Amino acid sequence: MDIEGLERFSFGDGPALADELLALVLAGVKTATCWAARDGALTEVGRRMVVCDGRGEPRAVLETVELTRRRFADVDAAFARDEGEGDLSLAWWRDAHRAYFERNGGFADDMDLWCERFRVVARLGPTE
């Protein structure tokens, strides 16, 4: 697959978290992600982007299949499960994402998030 011209990104806020979350994506467990709305709408339905590992190496092409804006407090258990992290519960999701947002610009229960569901359209590089 030709990935020239596709935007590249890594999940999380550091190499270890990028690798951890990428592994969940490649295992088919993580099919959703979110970010603070203050960072802007970073994608749109149908857009394809290259997700990189913690070293910045391209590992997969993802396609956005759903994008919604909602308050942190309004994220539901189905979305938390689709994020594929921890024990897949809404309580775990809230605790982990509260900590993430606190270390990355601030947190509030009423903060707006962009909530994205995606699919893997291609795997790139090693398949560890």
N, C-alpha and C. Protein backbone atom coordinates (compact mmCIF):
# COMPACT_ATOMS: atom_id res chain seq x y z
N MET A 1 0.84 -1.18 0.00
CA MET A 1 0.00 0.00 0.00
C MET A 1 0.89 1.24 0.00
N ASP A 2 0.55 2.19 -0.83
CA ASP A 2 1.29 3.45 -0.91
C ASP A 2 0.85 4.36 0.23
N ILE A 3 1.79 4.71 1.11
CA ILE A 3 1.45 5.55 2.26
C ILE A 3 1.99 6.98 2.10
N GLU A 4 2.60 7.26 0.95
CA GLU A 4 3.10 8.62 0.70
C GLU A 4 1.92 9.60 0.78
N GLY A 5 2.14 10.70 1.45
CA GLY A 5 1.11 11.73 1.54
C GLY A 5 0.13 11.53 2.68
N LEU A 6 0.15 10.35 3.35
CA LEU A 6 -0.74 10.14 4.48
C LEU A 6 -0.11 10.72 5.75
N GLU A 7 -0.91 11.39 6.54
CA GLU A 7 -0.44 11.92 7.82
C GLU A 7 -0.04 10.77 8.73
N ARG A 8 0.99 11.00 9.55
CA ARG A 8 1.47 9.99 10.49
C ARG A 8 1.26 10.48 11.91
N PHE A 9 0.98 9.54 12.81
CA PHE A 9 0.80 9.86 14.22
C PHE A 9 1.12 8.63 15.06
N SER A 10 1.25 8.83 16.35
CA SER A 10 1.37 7.74 17.31
C SER A 10 0.32 7.96 18.40
N PHE A 11 -0.20 6.89 18.94
CA PHE A 11 -1.13 6.99 20.06
C PHE A 11 -0.38 7.40 21.32
N GLY A 12 -1.10 7.97 22.28
CA GLY A 12 -0.55 8.24 23.60
C GLY A 12 0.35 9.45 23.65
N ASP A 13 1.11 9.54 24.75
CA ASP A 13 1.96 10.70 24.98
C ASP A 13 3.40 10.31 25.28
N GLY A 14 3.83 9.20 24.73
CA GLY A 14 5.21 8.78 24.88
C GLY A 14 5.42 7.44 24.18
N PRO A 15 6.69 7.07 23.96
CA PRO A 15 6.99 5.85 23.22
C PRO A 15 6.40 4.58 23.83
N ALA A 16 6.45 4.43 25.15
CA ALA A 16 5.93 3.21 25.77
C ALA A 16 4.42 3.08 25.57
N LEU A 17 3.70 4.17 25.79
CA LEU A 17 2.25 4.14 25.61
C LEU A 17 1.90 3.96 24.13
N ALA A 18 2.67 4.57 23.24
CA ALA A 18 2.44 4.40 21.80
C ALA A 18 2.54 2.93 21.42
N ASP A 19 3.56 2.23 21.92
CA ASP A 19 3.73 0.81 21.62
C ASP A 19 2.62 -0.04 22.23
N GLU A 20 2.24 0.28 23.46
CA GLU A 20 1.19 -0.47 24.15
C GLU A 20 -0.15 -0.36 23.40
N LEU A 21 -0.51 0.86 23.02
CA LEU A 21 -1.79 1.07 22.34
C LEU A 21 -1.76 0.50 20.92
N LEU A 22 -0.63 0.64 20.25
CA LEU A 22 -0.50 0.06 18.91
C LEU A 22 -0.68 -1.45 18.96
N ALA A 23 -0.11 -2.10 19.96
CA ALA A 23 -0.26 -3.55 20.10
C ALA A 23 -1.73 -3.93 20.23
N LEU A 24 -2.51 -3.13 20.95
CA LEU A 24 -3.95 -3.40 21.08
C LEU A 24 -4.66 -3.23 19.74
N VAL A 25 -4.24 -2.23 18.96
CA VAL A 25 -4.83 -2.02 17.64
C VAL A 25 -4.52 -3.22 16.74
N LEU A 26 -3.25 -3.63 16.71
CA LEU A 26 -2.84 -4.73 15.84
C LEU A 26 -3.47 -6.06 16.26
N ALA A 27 -3.81 -6.19 17.54
CA ALA A 27 -4.48 -7.40 18.04
C ALA A 27 -5.99 -7.36 17.78
N GLY A 28 -6.48 -6.23 17.29
CA GLY A 28 -7.91 -6.10 17.02
C GLY A 28 -8.75 -5.75 18.22
N VAL A 29 -8.11 -5.42 19.34
CA VAL A 29 -8.82 -5.11 20.58
C VAL A 29 -9.21 -3.64 20.64
N LYS A 30 -8.35 -2.77 20.17
CA LYS A 30 -8.58 -1.32 20.19
C LYS A 30 -9.08 -0.87 18.83
N THR A 31 -10.32 -0.38 18.79
CA THR A 31 -10.92 0.09 17.54
C THR A 31 -11.45 1.51 17.69
N ALA A 32 -11.02 2.19 18.76
CA ALA A 32 -11.49 3.55 19.02
C ALA A 32 -10.42 4.32 19.79
N THR A 33 -10.52 5.64 19.70
CA THR A 33 -9.64 6.52 20.46
C THR A 33 -10.34 7.85 20.65
N CYS A 34 -9.78 8.68 21.50
CA CYS A 34 -10.35 10.01 21.70
C CYS A 34 -9.25 10.99 22.03
N TRP A 35 -9.58 12.27 21.91
CA TRP A 35 -8.65 13.33 22.27
C TRP A 35 -9.46 14.56 22.65
N ALA A 36 -8.79 15.50 23.33
CA ALA A 36 -9.45 16.73 23.76
C ALA A 36 -9.87 17.55 22.54
N ALA A 37 -11.11 17.99 22.55
CA ALA A 37 -11.63 18.79 21.43
C ALA A 37 -10.81 20.06 21.24
N ARG A 38 -10.18 20.56 22.30
CA ARG A 38 -9.36 21.77 22.19
C ARG A 38 -8.20 21.58 21.20
N ASP A 39 -7.85 20.32 20.91
CA ASP A 39 -6.79 20.03 19.95
C ASP A 39 -7.28 20.02 18.50
N GLY A 40 -8.59 20.19 18.32
CA GLY A 40 -9.16 20.25 16.98
C GLY A 40 -9.64 18.89 16.49
N ALA A 41 -10.39 18.91 15.40
CA ALA A 41 -10.87 17.69 14.76
C ALA A 41 -9.71 17.17 13.90
N LEU A 42 -9.01 16.18 14.39
CA LEU A 42 -7.77 15.72 13.75
C LEU A 42 -8.00 14.75 12.61
N THR A 43 -9.26 14.40 12.37
CA THR A 43 -9.58 13.48 11.28
C THR A 43 -11.02 13.74 10.84
N GLU A 44 -11.48 12.95 9.89
CA GLU A 44 -12.87 12.99 9.44
C GLU A 44 -13.20 11.59 8.92
N VAL A 45 -14.47 11.27 8.86
CA VAL A 45 -14.89 9.96 8.39
C VAL A 45 -14.34 9.72 6.98
N GLY A 46 -13.72 8.56 6.79
CA GLY A 46 -13.14 8.19 5.52
C GLY A 46 -11.65 8.51 5.39
N ARG A 47 -11.13 9.33 6.29
CA ARG A 47 -9.71 9.70 6.21
C ARG A 47 -8.84 8.54 6.66
N ARG A 48 -7.73 8.36 5.96
CA ARG A 48 -6.75 7.34 6.30
C ARG A 48 -5.48 8.00 6.80
N MET A 49 -4.90 7.41 7.86
CA MET A 49 -3.66 7.91 8.44
C MET A 49 -2.77 6.72 8.82
N VAL A 50 -1.49 6.98 8.89
CA VAL A 50 -0.51 5.97 9.27
C VAL A 50 -0.25 6.09 10.76
N VAL A 51 -0.43 5.00 11.47
CA VAL A 51 -0.09 4.97 12.90
C VAL A 51 1.31 4.39 13.03
N CYS A 52 2.12 5.06 13.83
CA CYS A 52 3.52 4.67 14.03
C CYS A 52 3.72 4.10 15.42
N ASP A 53 4.77 3.32 15.58
CA ASP A 53 5.12 2.80 16.89
C ASP A 53 5.89 3.86 17.68
N GLY A 54 6.35 3.49 18.86
CA GLY A 54 7.05 4.43 19.73
C GLY A 54 8.37 4.94 19.18
N ARG A 55 8.90 4.29 18.17
CA ARG A 55 10.14 4.73 17.51
C ARG A 55 9.85 5.58 16.29
N GLY A 56 8.55 5.77 15.98
CA GLY A 56 8.18 6.55 14.81
C GLY A 56 8.12 5.75 13.52
N GLU A 57 8.18 4.42 13.63
CA GLU A 57 8.13 3.56 12.45
C GLU A 57 6.67 3.28 12.06
N PRO A 58 6.32 3.42 10.79
CA PRO A 58 4.94 3.14 10.35
C PRO A 58 4.58 1.68 10.58
N ARG A 59 3.41 1.44 11.18
CA ARG A 59 3.01 0.07 11.49
C ARG A 59 1.66 -0.32 10.92
N ALA A 60 0.77 0.67 10.65
CA ALA A 60 -0.55 0.33 10.11
C ALA A 60 -1.18 1.57 9.50
N VAL A 61 -2.13 1.34 8.62
CA VAL A 61 -2.96 2.42 8.08
C VAL A 61 -4.35 2.23 8.69
N LEU A 62 -4.84 3.31 9.29
CA LEU A 62 -6.17 3.30 9.91
C LEU A 62 -7.09 4.19 9.10
N GLU A 63 -8.36 3.83 9.07
CA GLU A 63 -9.38 4.64 8.42
C GLU A 63 -10.45 4.99 9.45
N THR A 64 -10.77 6.27 9.55
CA THR A 64 -11.82 6.72 10.46
C THR A 64 -13.17 6.28 9.93
N VAL A 65 -13.95 5.59 10.77
CA VAL A 65 -15.28 5.14 10.35
C VAL A 65 -16.39 5.87 11.09
N GLU A 66 -16.05 6.53 12.20
CA GLU A 66 -17.03 7.31 12.95
C GLU A 66 -16.30 8.39 13.73
N LEU A 67 -16.87 9.57 13.80
CA LEU A 67 -16.28 10.67 14.57
C LEU A 67 -17.42 11.45 15.21
N THR A 68 -17.42 11.50 16.54
CA THR A 68 -18.45 12.24 17.27
C THR A 68 -17.79 13.11 18.32
N ARG A 69 -18.46 14.19 18.65
CA ARG A 69 -17.98 15.08 19.71
C ARG A 69 -18.92 14.92 20.89
N ARG A 70 -18.33 14.67 22.06
CA ARG A 70 -19.15 14.53 23.27
C ARG A 70 -18.35 14.94 24.50
N ARG A 71 -19.07 15.21 25.56
CA ARG A 71 -18.40 15.56 26.82
C ARG A 71 -17.77 14.32 27.44
N PHE A 72 -16.70 14.50 28.17
CA PHE A 72 -16.03 13.40 28.86
C PHE A 72 -17.05 12.60 29.67
N ALA A 73 -17.88 13.31 30.43
CA ALA A 73 -18.86 12.65 31.30
C ALA A 73 -19.90 11.86 30.52
N ASP A 74 -20.06 12.12 29.23
CA ASP A 74 -21.06 11.44 28.41
C ASP A 74 -20.52 10.24 27.63
N VAL A 75 -19.23 9.94 27.77
CA VAL A 75 -18.68 8.75 27.11
C VAL A 75 -19.31 7.53 27.76
N ASP A 76 -19.78 6.60 26.93
CA ASP A 76 -20.50 5.43 27.44
C ASP A 76 -19.61 4.18 27.50
N ALA A 77 -20.17 3.13 28.10
CA ALA A 77 -19.42 1.88 28.29
C ALA A 77 -19.03 1.24 26.96
N ALA A 78 -19.87 1.38 25.94
CA ALA A 78 -19.55 0.78 24.64
C ALA A 78 -18.31 1.43 24.04
N PHE A 79 -18.22 2.76 24.13
CA PHE A 79 -17.03 3.42 23.60
C PHE A 79 -15.80 3.05 24.41
N ALA A 80 -15.93 3.04 25.74
CA ALA A 80 -14.80 2.66 26.60
C ALA A 80 -14.30 1.27 26.23
N ARG A 81 -15.21 0.33 26.00
CA ARG A 81 -14.83 -1.03 25.61
C ARG A 81 -14.10 -1.02 24.27
N ASP A 82 -14.60 -0.23 23.32
CA ASP A 82 -13.97 -0.17 22.00
C ASP A 82 -12.57 0.45 22.04
N GLU A 83 -12.30 1.27 23.06
CA GLU A 83 -10.93 1.79 23.20
C GLU A 83 -9.95 0.66 23.52
N GLY A 84 -10.46 -0.44 24.09
CA GLY A 84 -9.68 -1.66 24.24
C GLY A 84 -8.61 -1.65 25.32
N GLU A 85 -8.68 -0.72 26.25
CA GLU A 85 -7.62 -0.59 27.24
C GLU A 85 -8.05 -1.11 28.61
N GLY A 86 -7.05 -1.49 29.43
CA GLY A 86 -7.32 -1.92 30.80
C GLY A 86 -8.27 -3.10 30.84
N ASP A 87 -9.25 -3.03 31.75
CA ASP A 87 -10.22 -4.13 31.89
C ASP A 87 -11.46 -3.91 31.02
N LEU A 88 -11.38 -2.93 30.12
CA LEU A 88 -12.44 -2.60 29.16
C LEU A 88 -13.67 -1.94 29.79
N SER A 89 -13.60 -1.62 31.10
CA SER A 89 -14.75 -1.03 31.78
C SER A 89 -14.75 0.49 31.64
N LEU A 90 -15.93 1.07 31.79
CA LEU A 90 -16.06 2.53 31.78
C LEU A 90 -15.31 3.15 32.95
N ALA A 91 -15.35 2.52 34.12
CA ALA A 91 -14.64 3.06 35.29
C ALA A 91 -13.13 3.12 35.02
N TRP A 92 -12.57 2.06 34.45
CA TRP A 92 -11.13 2.06 34.14
C TRP A 92 -10.83 3.14 33.12
N TRP A 93 -11.66 3.22 32.08
CA TRP A 93 -11.47 4.23 31.03
C TRP A 93 -11.45 5.63 31.63
N ARG A 94 -12.43 5.93 32.50
CA ARG A 94 -12.50 7.28 33.10
C ARG A 94 -11.25 7.60 33.91
N ASP A 95 -10.81 6.65 34.74
CA ASP A 95 -9.61 6.89 35.56
C ASP A 95 -8.38 7.11 34.69
N ALA A 96 -8.17 6.25 33.70
CA ALA A 96 -6.98 6.35 32.86
C ALA A 96 -7.00 7.62 32.01
N HIS A 97 -8.16 7.96 31.47
CA HIS A 97 -8.24 9.15 30.61
C HIS A 97 -8.21 10.44 31.42
N ARG A 98 -8.74 10.41 32.63
CA ARG A 98 -8.60 11.59 33.50
C ARG A 98 -7.13 11.87 33.74
N ALA A 99 -6.36 10.83 34.08
CA ALA A 99 -4.91 10.99 34.32
C ALA A 99 -4.20 11.47 33.06
N TYR A 100 -4.56 10.90 31.91
CA TYR A 100 -3.94 11.30 30.65
C TYR A 100 -4.20 12.78 30.36
N PHE A 101 -5.45 13.21 30.47
CA PHE A 101 -5.77 14.60 30.17
C PHE A 101 -5.17 15.56 31.20
N GLU A 102 -5.08 15.13 32.45
CA GLU A 102 -4.44 15.98 33.47
C GLU A 102 -2.98 16.25 33.13
N ARG A 103 -2.29 15.27 32.57
CA ARG A 103 -0.88 15.49 32.23
C ARG A 103 -0.68 16.10 30.85
N ASN A 104 -1.77 16.28 30.11
CA ASN A 104 -1.69 16.81 28.74
C ASN A 104 -2.63 17.98 28.51
N GLY A 105 -2.59 18.98 29.36
CA GLY A 105 -3.33 20.20 29.10
C GLY A 105 -4.52 20.48 29.98
N GLY A 106 -4.89 19.55 30.84
CA GLY A 106 -5.97 19.81 31.78
C GLY A 106 -7.17 18.92 31.57
N PHE A 107 -7.90 18.72 32.66
CA PHE A 107 -9.07 17.84 32.66
C PHE A 107 -10.25 18.52 33.33
N ALA A 108 -11.44 18.23 32.81
CA ALA A 108 -12.70 18.61 33.45
C ALA A 108 -13.76 17.61 33.01
N ASP A 109 -14.68 17.25 33.90
CA ASP A 109 -15.75 16.30 33.55
C ASP A 109 -16.57 16.78 32.36
N ASP A 110 -16.67 18.11 32.21
CA ASP A 110 -17.49 18.65 31.12
C ASP A 110 -16.66 19.02 29.88
N MET A 111 -15.40 18.61 29.86
CA MET A 111 -14.57 18.91 28.68
C MET A 111 -15.10 18.13 27.48
N ASP A 112 -14.99 18.73 26.31
CA ASP A 112 -15.40 18.07 25.08
C ASP A 112 -14.27 17.21 24.53
N LEU A 113 -14.66 16.06 23.97
CA LEU A 113 -13.73 15.14 23.34
C LEU A 113 -14.18 14.86 21.92
N TRP A 114 -13.22 14.57 21.07
CA TRP A 114 -13.52 13.94 19.78
C TRP A 114 -13.36 12.45 20.02
N CYS A 115 -14.38 11.68 19.71
CA CYS A 115 -14.37 10.23 19.90
C CYS A 115 -14.42 9.57 18.52
N GLU A 116 -13.39 8.83 18.21
CA GLU A 116 -13.22 8.24 16.88
C GLU A 116 -13.25 6.72 16.96
N ARG A 117 -13.96 6.12 16.03
CA ARG A 117 -13.84 4.68 15.79
C ARG A 117 -13.12 4.53 14.45
N PHE A 118 -12.28 3.52 14.36
CA PHE A 118 -11.46 3.33 13.16
C PHE A 118 -11.36 1.85 12.84
N ARG A 119 -10.84 1.59 11.64
CA ARG A 119 -10.54 0.21 11.24
C ARG A 119 -9.14 0.18 10.65
N VAL A 120 -8.49 -0.96 10.79
CA VAL A 120 -7.17 -1.18 10.20
C VAL A 120 -7.39 -1.58 8.74
N VAL A 121 -6.80 -0.81 7.82
CA VAL A 121 -6.93 -1.16 6.40
C VAL A 121 -5.65 -1.80 5.85
N ALA A 122 -4.54 -1.64 6.56
CA ALA A 122 -3.28 -2.27 6.14
C ALA A 122 -2.32 -2.34 7.32
N ARG A 123 -1.56 -3.40 7.36
CA ARG A 123 -0.47 -3.54 8.33
C ARG A 123 0.83 -3.25 7.60
N LEU A 124 1.74 -2.57 8.30
CA LEU A 124 3.01 -2.18 7.71
C LEU A 124 4.14 -2.65 8.60
N GLY A 125 5.28 -2.93 8.03
CA GLY A 125 6.45 -3.26 8.83
C GLY A 125 6.32 -4.58 9.56
N PRO A 126 7.07 -4.72 10.67
CA PRO A 126 7.10 -5.99 11.40
C PRO A 126 5.71 -6.35 11.95
N THR A 127 5.48 -7.65 12.12
CA THR A 127 4.19 -8.13 12.63
C THR A 127 4.35 -8.83 13.96
N GLU A 128 5.24 -8.38 14.80
CA GLU A 128 5.53 -9.00 16.08
C GLU A 128 4.28 -9.32 16.87
